[in-house]
Amino acid sequence: MAALFQIFRRLAAGRWEARVRAMSKAEILGELPKLSREERREILDRLWALEEDSGPSEGERRLLEEALSCRRCFTPRTS
């Protein structure tokens, strides 16, 4: 089952033609419950990979900077 595209076939001039249409977000979300656990896992893995590739968001960066600054406050300095 194609997770992100629906494939439509029609007979035209004696040969099969394929037409591909992108699905809307609502259509994708509606199809998710119909997928097997393995298919949903593949999609989830791909989503996580996309998130990792994009790097931290601005909010995540702020949290990381705050955590680092707090760590510096409580880390003993060595002379």
N, C-alpha and C. Protein backbone atom coordinates (compact mmCIF):
# COMPACT_ATOMS: atom_id res chain seq x y z
N MET A 1 0.84 -1.18 0.00
CA MET A 1 0.00 0.00 0.00
C MET A 1 0.88 1.23 0.00
N ALA A 2 0.67 2.12 -0.91
CA ALA A 2 1.44 3.35 -0.96
C ALA A 2 0.97 4.27 0.15
N ALA A 3 1.87 4.64 1.04
CA ALA A 3 1.49 5.45 2.20
C ALA A 3 1.19 6.90 1.84
N LEU A 4 1.91 7.46 0.91
CA LEU A 4 1.74 8.87 0.62
C LEU A 4 1.09 9.16 -0.72
N PHE A 5 0.87 8.18 -1.53
CA PHE A 5 0.26 8.42 -2.84
C PHE A 5 -0.82 7.39 -3.12
N GLN A 6 -1.83 7.81 -3.81
CA GLN A 6 -2.84 6.88 -4.30
C GLN A 6 -2.59 6.74 -5.79
N ILE A 7 -2.64 5.54 -6.26
CA ILE A 7 -2.40 5.31 -7.68
C ILE A 7 -3.72 4.95 -8.34
N PHE A 8 -4.08 5.68 -9.36
CA PHE A 8 -5.31 5.43 -10.10
C PHE A 8 -4.93 4.93 -11.48
N ARG A 9 -5.58 3.87 -11.91
CA ARG A 9 -5.34 3.33 -13.24
C ARG A 9 -6.60 3.44 -14.07
N ARG A 10 -6.42 3.73 -15.31
CA ARG A 10 -7.58 3.78 -16.20
C ARG A 10 -7.18 3.26 -17.56
N LEU A 11 -8.11 2.71 -18.21
CA LEU A 11 -7.88 2.18 -19.54
C LEU A 11 -8.09 3.32 -20.55
N ALA A 12 -7.05 3.60 -21.31
CA ALA A 12 -7.17 4.68 -22.31
C ALA A 12 -6.44 4.23 -23.56
N ALA A 13 -7.13 4.28 -24.63
CA ALA A 13 -6.56 3.92 -25.94
C ALA A 13 -5.93 2.53 -25.92
N GLY A 14 -6.58 1.60 -25.21
CA GLY A 14 -6.12 0.21 -25.21
C GLY A 14 -4.91 -0.06 -24.34
N ARG A 15 -4.46 0.89 -23.54
CA ARG A 15 -3.33 0.64 -22.65
C ARG A 15 -3.63 1.23 -21.27
N TRP A 16 -3.00 0.69 -20.26
CA TRP A 16 -3.19 1.18 -18.90
C TRP A 16 -2.33 2.40 -18.70
N GLU A 17 -2.90 3.42 -18.11
CA GLU A 17 -2.14 4.61 -17.73
C GLU A 17 -2.25 4.74 -16.22
N ALA A 18 -1.20 5.19 -15.61
CA ALA A 18 -1.23 5.41 -14.17
C ALA A 18 -1.18 6.91 -13.90
N ARG A 19 -2.03 7.33 -12.99
CA ARG A 19 -2.04 8.73 -12.59
C ARG A 19 -1.78 8.74 -11.09
N VAL A 20 -0.84 9.53 -10.63
CA VAL A 20 -0.48 9.60 -9.22
C VAL A 20 -0.94 10.94 -8.67
N ARG A 21 -1.59 10.90 -7.52
CA ARG A 21 -2.08 12.11 -6.88
C ARG A 21 -1.56 12.16 -5.46
N ALA A 22 -1.00 13.30 -5.08
CA ALA A 22 -0.53 13.46 -3.71
C ALA A 22 -1.73 13.49 -2.77
N MET A 23 -1.56 12.89 -1.59
CA MET A 23 -2.63 12.87 -0.60
C MET A 23 -2.52 14.08 0.31
N SER A 24 -3.64 14.57 0.78
CA SER A 24 -3.65 15.66 1.76
C SER A 24 -3.27 15.10 3.13
N LYS A 25 -2.94 15.99 4.03
CA LYS A 25 -2.61 15.57 5.40
C LYS A 25 -3.78 14.82 6.02
N ALA A 26 -4.99 15.30 5.81
CA ALA A 26 -6.18 14.65 6.37
C ALA A 26 -6.33 13.23 5.81
N GLU A 27 -6.07 13.06 4.51
CA GLU A 27 -6.17 11.73 3.90
C GLU A 27 -5.10 10.79 4.47
N ILE A 28 -3.90 11.31 4.65
CA ILE A 28 -2.82 10.49 5.22
C ILE A 28 -3.19 10.04 6.63
N LEU A 29 -3.66 11.00 7.45
CA LEU A 29 -4.04 10.66 8.82
C LEU A 29 -5.20 9.66 8.85
N GLY A 30 -6.09 9.77 7.90
CA GLY A 30 -7.21 8.83 7.82
C GLY A 30 -6.79 7.43 7.43
N GLU A 31 -5.71 7.31 6.68
CA GLU A 31 -5.23 6.00 6.25
C GLU A 31 -4.37 5.31 7.31
N LEU A 32 -3.78 6.05 8.22
CA LEU A 32 -2.87 5.45 9.20
C LEU A 32 -3.48 4.29 9.99
N PRO A 33 -4.71 4.41 10.48
CA PRO A 33 -5.28 3.28 11.24
C PRO A 33 -5.44 2.01 10.40
N LYS A 34 -5.49 2.15 9.10
CA LYS A 34 -5.66 0.99 8.22
C LYS A 34 -4.36 0.25 7.96
N LEU A 35 -3.23 0.86 8.31
CA LEU A 35 -1.93 0.24 8.06
C LEU A 35 -1.60 -0.79 9.12
N SER A 36 -0.73 -1.71 8.76
CA SER A 36 -0.27 -2.70 9.74
C SER A 36 0.70 -2.04 10.70
N ARG A 37 0.95 -2.70 11.80
CA ARG A 37 1.90 -2.19 12.79
C ARG A 37 3.27 -1.96 12.13
N GLU A 38 3.70 -2.87 11.28
CA GLU A 38 5.00 -2.75 10.61
C GLU A 38 5.03 -1.54 9.67
N GLU A 39 3.95 -1.32 8.95
CA GLU A 39 3.88 -0.17 8.04
C GLU A 39 3.90 1.14 8.83
N ARG A 40 3.17 1.17 9.95
CA ARG A 40 3.20 2.38 10.79
C ARG A 40 4.58 2.61 11.37
N ARG A 41 5.28 1.55 11.73
CA ARG A 41 6.63 1.67 12.27
C ARG A 41 7.57 2.26 11.21
N GLU A 42 7.44 1.81 9.95
CA GLU A 42 8.26 2.37 8.87
C GLU A 42 8.03 3.87 8.72
N ILE A 43 6.78 4.27 8.78
CA ILE A 43 6.44 5.69 8.65
C ILE A 43 6.99 6.47 9.83
N LEU A 44 6.84 5.94 11.03
CA LEU A 44 7.34 6.60 12.22
C LEU A 44 8.86 6.74 12.16
N ASP A 45 9.55 5.68 11.73
CA ASP A 45 11.01 5.74 11.59
C ASP A 45 11.43 6.83 10.62
N ARG A 46 10.69 6.93 9.52
CA ARG A 46 11.00 7.96 8.52
C ARG A 46 10.75 9.36 9.08
N LEU A 47 9.67 9.54 9.83
CA LEU A 47 9.39 10.83 10.45
C LEU A 47 10.48 11.23 11.44
N TRP A 48 10.93 10.26 12.26
CA TRP A 48 12.00 10.56 13.21
C TRP A 48 13.28 10.93 12.47
N ALA A 49 13.59 10.24 11.37
CA ALA A 49 14.78 10.56 10.59
C ALA A 49 14.70 11.99 10.04
N LEU A 50 13.52 12.37 9.56
CA LEU A 50 13.34 13.73 9.06
C LEU A 50 13.53 14.76 10.17
N GLU A 51 13.02 14.46 11.36
CA GLU A 51 13.19 15.36 12.50
C GLU A 51 14.66 15.51 12.87
N GLU A 52 15.39 14.39 12.88
CA GLU A 52 16.81 14.43 13.23
C GLU A 52 17.60 15.21 12.19
N ASP A 53 17.24 15.06 10.92
CA ASP A 53 17.94 15.77 9.85
C ASP A 53 17.73 17.27 9.93
N SER A 54 16.59 17.70 10.45
CA SER A 54 16.29 19.14 10.50
C SER A 54 16.96 19.83 11.67
N GLY A 55 17.50 19.07 12.61
CA GLY A 55 18.16 19.66 13.77
C GLY A 55 17.16 20.15 14.80
N PRO A 56 17.68 20.69 15.91
CA PRO A 56 16.77 21.13 16.97
C PRO A 56 16.00 22.39 16.56
N SER A 57 14.77 22.49 17.07
CA SER A 57 13.96 23.68 16.83
C SER A 57 14.49 24.82 17.69
N GLU A 58 13.95 26.01 17.47
CA GLU A 58 14.38 27.17 18.27
C GLU A 58 14.09 26.94 19.75
N GLY A 59 12.93 26.38 20.07
CA GLY A 59 12.59 26.07 21.46
C GLY A 59 13.53 25.03 22.07
N GLU A 60 13.86 24.01 21.28
CA GLU A 60 14.80 22.99 21.77
C GLU A 60 16.18 23.58 21.98
N ARG A 61 16.59 24.50 21.11
CA ARG A 61 17.90 25.16 21.28
C ARG A 61 17.94 25.95 22.59
N ARG A 62 16.86 26.68 22.86
CA ARG A 62 16.81 27.45 24.11
C ARG A 62 16.91 26.54 25.32
N LEU A 63 16.18 25.41 25.29
CA LEU A 63 16.25 24.46 26.41
C LEU A 63 17.65 23.90 26.57
N LEU A 64 18.31 23.58 25.47
CA LEU A 64 19.68 23.07 25.54
C LEU A 64 20.62 24.12 26.11
N GLU A 65 20.48 25.36 25.67
CA GLU A 65 21.34 26.43 26.18
C GLU A 65 21.11 26.65 27.67
N GLU A 66 19.85 26.62 28.10
CA GLU A 66 19.53 26.75 29.53
C GLU A 66 20.14 25.61 30.33
N ALA A 67 20.02 24.40 29.81
CA ALA A 67 20.58 23.23 30.51
C ALA A 67 22.10 23.35 30.62
N LEU A 68 22.74 23.81 29.56
CA LEU A 68 24.19 23.97 29.60
C LEU A 68 24.60 25.07 30.58
N SER A 69 23.85 26.17 30.62
CA SER A 69 24.21 27.25 31.54
C SER A 69 24.01 26.80 32.98
N CYS A 70 22.96 26.04 33.26
CA CYS A 70 22.75 25.51 34.61
C CYS A 70 23.86 24.55 35.00
N ARG A 71 24.28 23.75 34.06
CA ARG A 71 25.35 22.79 34.33
C ARG A 71 26.65 23.52 34.67
N ARG A 72 26.90 24.62 33.96
CA ARG A 72 28.12 25.40 34.24
C ARG A 72 28.07 25.98 35.62
N CYS A 73 26.88 26.40 36.08
CA CYS A 73 26.74 26.99 37.41
C CYS A 73 27.08 25.99 38.51
N PHE A 74 26.78 24.73 38.29
CA PHE A 74 26.96 23.71 39.33
C PHE A 74 28.18 22.84 39.13
N THR A 75 28.94 23.11 38.09
CA THR A 75 30.15 22.33 37.85
C THR A 75 31.31 23.00 38.57
N PRO A 76 31.96 22.27 39.49
CA PRO A 76 33.08 22.88 40.21
C PRO A 76 34.24 23.16 39.24
N ARG A 77 34.84 24.32 39.46
CA ARG A 77 36.00 24.69 38.64
C ARG A 77 37.25 24.10 39.25
N THR A 78 38.11 23.62 38.38
CA THR A 78 39.37 23.06 38.85
C THR A 78 40.46 24.08 38.57
N SER A 79 41.38 24.23 39.51
CA SER A 79 42.44 25.22 39.33
C SER A 79 43.70 24.60 38.83
